[in-house]
Protein backbone atom coordinates (compact mmCIF):
# COMPACT_ATOMS: atom_id res chain seq x y z
CA ALA A 1 82.66 119.50 134.88
CA VAL A 2 84.61 116.51 134.79
CA VAL A 3 85.29 114.74 131.28
CA LEU A 4 85.45 110.99 131.23
CA THR A 5 87.06 109.43 128.15
CA GLY A 6 87.99 105.72 127.98
CA THR A 7 89.64 103.67 130.87
CA ASP A 8 88.52 106.48 133.31
CA LEU A 9 84.95 105.81 132.26
CA TYR A 10 85.14 101.93 132.12
CA GLN A 11 87.80 101.19 134.52
CA ASP A 12 89.17 103.93 136.96
CA ILE A 13 85.90 105.04 138.55
CA GLN A 14 85.35 101.26 139.56
CA THR A 15 88.38 101.06 141.54
CA ASP A 16 90.08 104.24 142.00
CA ALA A 17 89.10 106.18 145.18
CA ARG A 18 90.24 109.53 143.72
CA ALA A 19 88.29 109.01 140.55
CA GLN A 20 85.29 108.15 142.52
CA ARG A 21 85.57 111.42 144.60
CA SER A 22 86.00 113.55 141.37
CA LEU A 23 82.50 112.19 140.48
CA GLN A 24 81.00 113.42 143.74
CA TRP A 25 82.56 116.99 143.30
CA ALA A 26 81.46 117.30 139.71
CA GLN A 27 78.28 119.48 138.98
CA ARG A 28 78.35 117.74 135.26
CA LEU A 29 79.99 114.72 134.18
CA VAL A 30 80.94 114.74 130.41
CA VAL A 31 80.85 111.55 128.45
CA LEU A 32 81.87 111.35 124.71
CA GLN A 33 79.39 108.81 123.38
CA GLU A 34 75.67 108.07 123.90
CA ARG A 35 76.22 104.81 125.94
CA GLY A 36 78.65 106.61 128.43
CA PRO A 37 75.93 107.54 130.94
CA GLU A 38 74.97 103.92 131.52
CA ALA A 39 78.74 103.47 132.86
CA LEU A 40 78.15 105.90 135.76
CA PRO A 41 76.91 105.07 139.23
CA ALA A 42 73.15 105.51 139.32
CA ALA A 43 73.45 108.12 142.01
CA VAL A 44 75.32 110.65 139.72
CA ARG A 45 73.91 109.63 136.36
CA ASP A 46 71.63 112.52 136.34
CA ARG A 47 74.74 114.80 135.95
CA ALA A 48 75.83 113.28 132.85
CA VAL A 49 76.17 115.25 129.60
CA VAL A 50 76.92 113.59 126.16
CA VAL A 51 79.42 115.72 124.10
CA LEU A 52 80.10 113.90 120.83
CA GLN A 53 83.52 115.13 119.71
CA SER A 54 83.94 116.42 116.15
CA THR A 55 86.28 116.14 113.25
CA GLY A 56 86.16 117.76 109.74
CA ALA A 57 84.40 116.11 106.69
CA TRP A 58 86.86 114.91 104.13
CA GLN A 59 86.31 113.90 100.71
CA THR A 60 85.79 110.18 99.83
CA LEU A 61 88.70 109.20 97.73
CA THR A 62 88.84 106.45 94.91
CA LYS A 63 88.87 102.99 96.45
CA PRO A 64 90.51 99.96 95.12
CA SER A 65 88.11 98.12 92.61
CA ALA A 66 90.01 94.80 92.55
CA HIS A 67 90.02 93.86 96.21
CA LEU A 68 88.54 95.16 99.51
CA ARG A 69 90.93 97.24 101.53
CA ALA A 70 90.55 97.40 105.42
CA VAL A 71 92.60 99.38 107.85
CA MET A 72 93.06 99.29 111.36
CA VAL A 73 94.34 102.43 113.11
CA GLY A 74 95.47 102.27 116.75
CA HIS A 75 98.75 101.81 118.80
CA LEU A 76 99.58 98.19 119.47
CA ARG A 77 98.45 97.82 122.84
CA GLU A 78 96.08 95.27 124.76
CA VAL A 79 93.06 97.42 125.03
CA LYS A 80 92.94 98.13 121.21
CA SER A 81 92.85 94.21 120.63
CA PRO A 82 95.25 94.09 117.62
CA GLN A 83 95.18 90.45 118.27
CA THR A 84 91.87 90.35 116.63
CA LEU A 85 93.21 91.49 113.19
CA PHE A 86 96.18 89.23 113.53
CA GLU A 87 93.69 86.27 113.85
CA ALA A 88 91.62 87.52 111.05
CA ALA A 89 94.71 87.61 108.77
CA ARG A 90 95.16 84.00 109.71
CA LEU A 91 91.55 83.09 108.83
CA ILE A 92 91.67 84.82 105.34
CA ALA A 93 93.36 83.31 102.36
CA SER A 94 95.64 85.34 100.29
CA ASP A 95 93.49 84.97 97.11
CA GLU A 96 90.38 86.12 98.84
CA GLY A 97 90.56 89.88 97.76
CA ILE A 98 90.78 91.13 101.13
CA ALA A 99 93.94 93.32 102.09
CA LEU A 100 94.62 94.40 105.75
CA ASP A 101 96.57 97.44 106.75
CA HIS A 102 97.42 97.91 110.24
CA ILE A 103 98.72 101.43 111.59
CA GLY A 104 100.12 102.02 114.97
CA ALA A 105 103.48 102.19 117.06
CA PRO A 106 104.43 99.14 118.98
CA LEU A 107 103.85 100.46 122.60
CA ASP A 108 103.71 96.80 123.64
CA ALA A 109 106.86 95.13 122.13
CA ALA A 110 105.38 91.77 122.14
CA LEU A 111 102.32 92.65 120.19
CA GLY A 112 104.87 94.55 117.80
CA ALA A 113 106.58 91.23 117.48
CA GLN A 114 103.38 89.50 116.63
CA ALA A 115 102.66 92.19 114.01
CA ARG A 116 105.97 91.52 112.42
CA ALA A 117 105.63 87.89 112.37
CA THR A 118 101.91 88.13 110.86
CA GLU A 119 103.19 90.49 108.12
CA GLN A 120 105.89 87.84 107.31
CA ALA A 121 103.34 84.85 107.35
CA PHE A 122 100.51 86.42 105.31
CA SER A 123 100.98 88.62 102.10
CA HIS A 124 97.69 90.32 102.50
CA TYR A 125 98.42 91.76 106.02
CA ARG A 126 100.64 94.85 106.23
CA TRP A 127 101.90 96.47 109.47
CA LEU A 128 102.79 100.11 108.51
CA GLY A 129 103.78 101.36 112.09
CA GLU A 130 103.27 104.79 113.26
CA LEU A 131 102.23 107.34 110.60
CA PRO A 132 101.68 111.17 110.58
CA HIS A 133 98.12 112.00 111.11
CA ALA A 134 97.76 113.33 107.52
CA GLN A 135 98.90 110.02 106.04
CA VAL A 136 96.63 108.05 108.38
CA ARG A 137 93.72 110.08 107.30
CA ARG A 138 94.36 109.56 103.59
CA ARG A 139 94.65 105.78 104.11
CA ILE A 140 91.25 105.84 105.91
CA GLN A 141 89.86 107.70 102.89
CA ARG A 142 91.03 105.29 100.50
CA ALA A 143 90.01 102.18 102.43
CA HIS A 144 86.71 100.64 102.06
CA VAL A 145 86.47 99.66 105.81
CA LEU A 146 87.94 100.83 109.15
CA VAL A 147 88.15 98.05 111.53
CA HIS A 148 88.00 98.95 115.24
CA ALA A 149 88.43 96.07 117.63
CA SER A 150 88.88 97.65 120.78
CA ARG A 151 88.17 96.05 124.20
CA ILE A 152 87.43 99.45 125.96
CA GLU A 153 86.79 102.91 124.23
CA GLY A 154 85.40 106.01 125.52
CA GLY A 155 84.55 107.49 122.14
CA ALA A 156 87.24 106.73 119.50
CA HIS A 157 88.36 109.54 117.38
CA VAL A 158 89.19 107.30 114.60
CA VAL A 159 85.60 105.90 114.20
CA MET A 160 84.40 109.67 113.59
CA GLU A 161 87.28 110.17 111.24
CA ALA A 162 86.14 107.18 109.08
CA VAL A 163 82.40 108.23 109.27
CA ARG A 164 83.35 111.63 108.15
CA SER A 165 85.53 110.25 105.24
CA GLY A 166 82.86 107.99 103.60
CA THR A 167 84.58 104.96 104.99
CA VAL A 168 82.41 102.27 106.63
CA VAL A 169 83.13 101.03 110.09
CA LEU A 170 83.47 97.45 111.35
CA ALA A 171 83.39 97.64 115.10
CA SER A 172 83.62 95.58 118.24
CA HIS A 173 80.17 95.29 120.03
CA ILE A 174 81.24 97.36 123.10
CA ASP A 175 79.38 100.33 124.62
CA GLY A 176 82.13 102.87 123.45
CA ASN A 177 81.41 101.83 119.77
CA VAL A 178 77.61 101.42 120.07
CA GLY A 179 77.44 104.77 121.55
CA MET A 180 79.31 106.33 118.55
CA LEU A 181 77.52 104.25 115.81
CA GLY A 182 74.10 103.44 117.13
CA ASN A 183 72.25 100.57 118.69
CA ASP A 184 70.98 99.38 115.08
CA TYR A 185 74.35 99.64 113.26
CA ALA A 186 75.01 96.49 111.23
CA GLY A 187 78.59 96.46 111.25
CA TYR A 188 79.23 95.03 114.81
CA PHE A 189 81.08 91.79 115.66
CA GLU A 190 81.54 90.52 119.16
CA TRP A 191 84.71 91.64 120.98
CA ASN A 192 87.80 89.26 120.26
CA ASN A 193 85.89 87.45 117.58
CA ALA A 194 88.00 87.33 114.59
CA ALA A 195 85.78 84.91 112.74
CA GLN A 196 82.66 87.18 112.90
CA LEU A 197 84.92 90.10 111.84
CA VAL A 198 86.17 88.09 108.71
CA GLN A 199 82.41 87.19 107.92
CA LEU A 200 81.78 90.96 107.80
CA LEU A 201 84.89 91.58 105.66
CA ARG A 202 83.84 88.83 103.21
CA ARG A 203 80.35 90.32 103.00
CA CYS A 204 81.68 93.76 102.29
CA ARG A 205 84.13 92.46 99.82
CA ASP A 206 81.40 91.11 97.72
CA ALA A 207 80.38 94.65 96.82
CA VAL A 208 83.89 95.68 95.61
CA GLY A 209 83.83 96.69 91.78
CA ASN A 210 80.18 97.33 91.82
CA LEU A 211 79.65 99.63 94.82
CA ALA A 212 77.00 101.77 93.36
CA GLY A 213 73.33 100.63 93.71
CA GLN A 214 74.22 97.64 95.97
CA ASP A 215 71.53 96.49 98.35
CA GLY A 216 74.03 94.38 100.58
CA LEU A 217 75.69 94.97 103.78
CA TYR A 218 78.20 97.45 102.49
CA ALA A 219 75.59 99.65 101.03
CA GLN A 220 73.66 99.42 104.37
CA LEU A 221 76.61 100.37 106.32
CA GLN A 222 77.38 103.31 103.89
CA ARG A 223 73.77 104.80 104.46
CA GLN A 224 74.16 104.31 108.29
CA CYS A 225 77.35 106.04 108.38
CA GLU A 226 76.07 108.81 106.24
CA GLN A 227 73.29 109.22 108.76
CA ARG A 228 75.58 109.56 111.78
CA ALA A 229 78.09 111.86 110.02
CA PRO A 230 76.41 115.08 110.97
CA LEU A 231 76.62 114.08 114.76
CA PHE A 232 80.36 114.51 114.63
CA SER A 233 80.20 118.03 112.92
CA ALA A 234 81.94 120.90 114.68
CA GLU A 235 78.54 122.76 114.81
CA ALA A 236 77.07 119.90 116.88
CA GLU A 237 79.95 119.78 119.23
CA ARG A 238 79.91 123.43 119.61
CA ALA A 239 76.34 123.62 120.43
CA ALA A 240 76.66 120.88 123.00
CA LEU A 241 79.51 122.65 124.79
CA LEU A 242 77.80 125.95 124.90
CA GLN A 243 74.71 124.14 126.66
CA LEU A 244 77.28 122.47 129.00
CA VAL A 245 78.77 125.86 129.97
CA GLN A 246 75.38 127.60 130.36
CA ALA A 247 74.37 124.68 132.78
CA LEU A 248 77.46 125.30 134.99
CA ILE A 249 76.78 129.02 134.91
CA ASP A 250 73.07 128.60 135.80
CA PRO A 251 72.34 125.17 137.17
CA THR A 252 68.72 125.99 137.55
CA ASN A 253 68.26 126.69 133.78
C-alpha cells in the first residue's frame, strides 16, 4: 500500500516520475479524505482506499462571550495561505468584535515578517508563533472558529482536531477540505478570498453571547461538525486500517 497525503497527491504524482511509478507498483492507494480518489489517475482509481485519520475527542471549553475568537493553525508557508488571514485582518475593523489568533512557525521568513507587520498594524490580530501541541489544542478548544485557508491539503489533522473539540471550521473550498467536512458543509470560502472569509466570520460573530438555540450559520456549522465528528474517531480509523490489511493479505476478498 502507498499512502498519499498532501502535495504528493495533488502535486508530485502529476510531475514526478518516481511518484508515478509508485502508483503502478501499489496494490492499494490510501488517501486521507473522501475527495482523494478523484485526484488519482483514472487507471489506478479502483485501488483507492479512504482512511480518515483519527484524533481524540476533547471537551468543549468556555468561549468568550464579548467577541468572536477565531484561530488559524499552520506554519507560515505559501501552501497554507497565511496571506488570507493577513488580508482578513485588514478588512476587519478593530471594534467589530472579531479577534484573530495565528499559530505557526515562520518557515518562510517573508511571511513571518508579514505576520509581525500585521500584528503591529491591527490590534485584533495576534501572531503567537510556534506553540506546543497541548497549548494549540486548548486554544482551538477555546476558539469559536478554526480558520483553515490552505491552497492544498491532503487531509489536515487540525481540521479534525477542531471538529472533535466542539469548534466549528471555516475552510477554503478545496478538495482536501471538502473531503473532510462534506460536500454540503456551509463554512467554505473560495481559496484566497479574504472577503468571503470575513463575511463568514461576521455571520458567526452575530451568534456570540447567545450561542444556545441559534438558527443562524454558527448553529448550522455546529450541527454539521457534530455529525462529522464520529468519522474521525479511533474506532473508525482502526476499522478502515483492518479492512486495508485484509485486502492486502487476500486481494480476492
